[in-house]
Amino acid sequence: MPLSEDEQRILAEIEKNLHESDPRLAREVSETTVYRHALGSLKWSVMGAVLGIIVMIATLQIHYLLAFCGFLLMLASAIGFERNLRLMGKAGVDHFSRAFRAANPGSRREGDRADEPDID
């Protein structure tokens, strides 16, 4: 449902007052996306899974319980990854992949073209 002209004017005034009263907060809010927290959690989950694999392999010859702790770390990280991926949803994954492609223009697949929209 689109906003009325009066509502749009009120929102513009609120935004203007925010920029005047606290420019740092206004800049931070404008740069932050909805998916930023989930993406950060995904990165930590991947690092935890890699660490769990390393611990599991490195301690397997020392004691099986230490290796099992590494496995549990890997498992917890995988569950956290899956949970945060679900929180991001399809829109969040699409947003992240578009941002990644924009930041890394050489990472495009051969069949992709910049001017064509992604069709799933």
Protein backbone atom coordinates (compact mmCIF):
# COMPACT_ATOMS: atom_id res chain seq x y z
CA MET A 1 0.00 0.00 0.00
CA PRO A 2 1.65 3.25 -1.09
CA LEU A 3 2.00 6.16 1.30
CA SER A 4 -0.09 9.29 0.89
CA GLU A 5 1.59 12.60 0.09
CA ASP A 6 1.12 13.74 3.67
CA GLU A 7 2.77 10.61 5.04
CA GLN A 8 5.66 10.96 2.58
CA ARG A 9 6.14 14.58 3.66
CA ILE A 10 6.18 13.60 7.33
CA LEU A 11 8.76 10.86 6.66
CA ALA A 12 10.92 13.32 4.70
CA GLU A 13 10.81 15.76 7.63
CA ILE A 14 11.78 13.01 10.08
CA GLU A 15 14.68 12.00 7.85
CA LYS A 16 15.83 15.62 7.50
CA ASN A 17 15.71 16.11 11.29
CA LEU A 18 17.66 12.90 11.82
CA HIS A 19 20.38 14.03 9.39
CA GLU A 20 20.61 17.37 11.19
CA SER A 21 20.56 16.05 14.75
CA ASP A 22 22.76 12.93 14.39
CA PRO A 23 24.52 12.61 11.03
CA ARG A 24 26.61 9.63 12.19
CA LEU A 25 23.51 7.61 13.08
CA ALA A 26 21.81 8.62 9.82
CA ARG A 27 24.84 7.45 7.82
CA GLU A 28 25.02 4.16 9.75
CA VAL A 29 21.31 3.46 9.27
CA SER A 30 21.48 4.23 5.56
CA GLU A 31 24.48 1.90 5.05
CA THR A 32 23.15 -1.00 7.13
CA THR A 33 21.08 -3.67 5.42
CA VAL A 34 18.61 -6.08 6.94
CA TYR A 35 20.89 -9.01 6.15
CA ARG A 36 24.13 -7.67 7.63
CA HIS A 37 23.85 -9.52 10.95
CA ALA A 38 22.91 -12.83 9.34
CA LEU A 39 25.80 -12.51 6.89
CA GLY A 40 28.24 -11.88 9.73
CA SER A 41 26.90 -14.95 11.52
CA LEU A 42 27.33 -16.99 8.34
CA LYS A 43 30.99 -15.98 8.19
CA TRP A 44 31.52 -17.01 11.83
CA SER A 45 29.76 -20.33 11.17
CA VAL A 46 32.05 -21.12 8.25
CA MET A 47 35.11 -20.25 10.33
CA GLY A 48 33.81 -22.44 13.18
CA ALA A 49 33.22 -25.36 10.82
CA VAL A 50 36.73 -25.08 9.40
CA LEU A 51 38.16 -24.88 12.92
CA GLY A 52 36.09 -27.92 13.94
CA ILE A 53 37.44 -29.94 11.01
CA ILE A 54 41.01 -28.93 11.86
CA VAL A 55 40.54 -29.82 15.54
CA MET A 56 38.91 -33.11 14.65
CA ILE A 57 41.67 -34.17 12.26
CA ALA A 58 44.51 -32.89 14.46
CA THR A 59 43.29 -34.58 17.63
CA LEU A 60 42.08 -37.86 16.18
CA GLN A 61 45.44 -39.54 16.90
CA ILE A 62 45.66 -38.00 20.40
CA HIS A 63 42.30 -38.97 21.85
CA TYR A 64 38.95 -39.76 20.32
CA LEU A 65 37.06 -37.52 22.79
CA LEU A 66 39.04 -34.47 21.65
CA ALA A 67 38.24 -35.37 18.06
CA PHE A 68 34.60 -35.73 19.05
CA CYS A 69 34.69 -32.18 20.52
CA GLY A 70 35.99 -30.98 17.14
CA PHE A 71 33.11 -32.81 15.46
CA LEU A 72 30.61 -31.16 17.82
CA LEU A 73 32.08 -27.75 17.00
CA MET A 74 31.76 -28.51 13.30
CA LEU A 75 28.19 -29.75 13.77
CA ALA A 76 27.15 -26.69 15.81
CA SER A 77 28.66 -24.42 13.17
CA ALA A 78 26.82 -26.22 10.39
CA ILE A 79 23.53 -25.89 12.28
CA GLY A 80 24.21 -22.19 12.87
CA PHE A 81 25.02 -21.73 9.17
CA GLU A 82 21.77 -23.39 8.14
CA ARG A 83 19.76 -21.35 10.66
CA ASN A 84 21.20 -18.03 9.52
CA LEU A 85 20.79 -18.97 5.87
CA ARG A 86 17.09 -19.61 6.54
CA LEU A 87 16.83 -16.27 8.36
CA MET A 88 18.30 -14.50 5.35
CA GLY A 89 15.84 -16.20 3.06
CA LYS A 90 15.94 -16.16 -0.72
CA ALA A 91 15.84 -12.37 -0.90
CA GLY A 92 18.85 -12.08 1.40
CA VAL A 93 20.88 -14.62 -0.53
CA ASP A 94 20.02 -12.84 -3.80
CA HIS A 95 20.97 -9.48 -2.23
CA PHE A 96 24.29 -10.90 -1.03
CA SER A 97 25.11 -12.53 -4.38
CA ARG A 98 24.34 -9.30 -6.28
CA ALA A 99 26.52 -7.32 -3.89
CA PHE A 100 29.30 -9.90 -4.22
CA ARG A 101 29.13 -9.78 -8.02
CA ALA A 102 29.19 -5.98 -7.99
CA ALA A 103 32.25 -5.96 -5.72
CA ASN A 104 34.04 -8.64 -7.76
CA PRO A 105 33.29 -8.09 -11.47
CA GLY A 106 35.70 -10.87 -12.50
CA SER A 107 33.66 -13.46 -10.57
CA ARG A 108 30.85 -13.63 -13.15
CA ARG A 109 30.09 -16.88 -14.88
CA GLU A 110 30.59 -16.87 -18.63
CA GLY A 111 26.86 -16.98 -19.40
CA ASP A 112 25.98 -14.05 -17.10
CA ARG A 113 25.52 -10.57 -18.50
CA ALA A 114 25.40 -7.44 -16.35
CA ASP A 115 22.39 -5.95 -18.15
CA GLU A 116 20.20 -9.05 -17.87
CA PRO A 117 18.16 -9.64 -14.69
CA ASP A 118 18.59 -12.92 -12.86
CA ILE A 119 15.70 -15.28 -13.62
CA ASP A 120 15.21 -18.22 -11.30
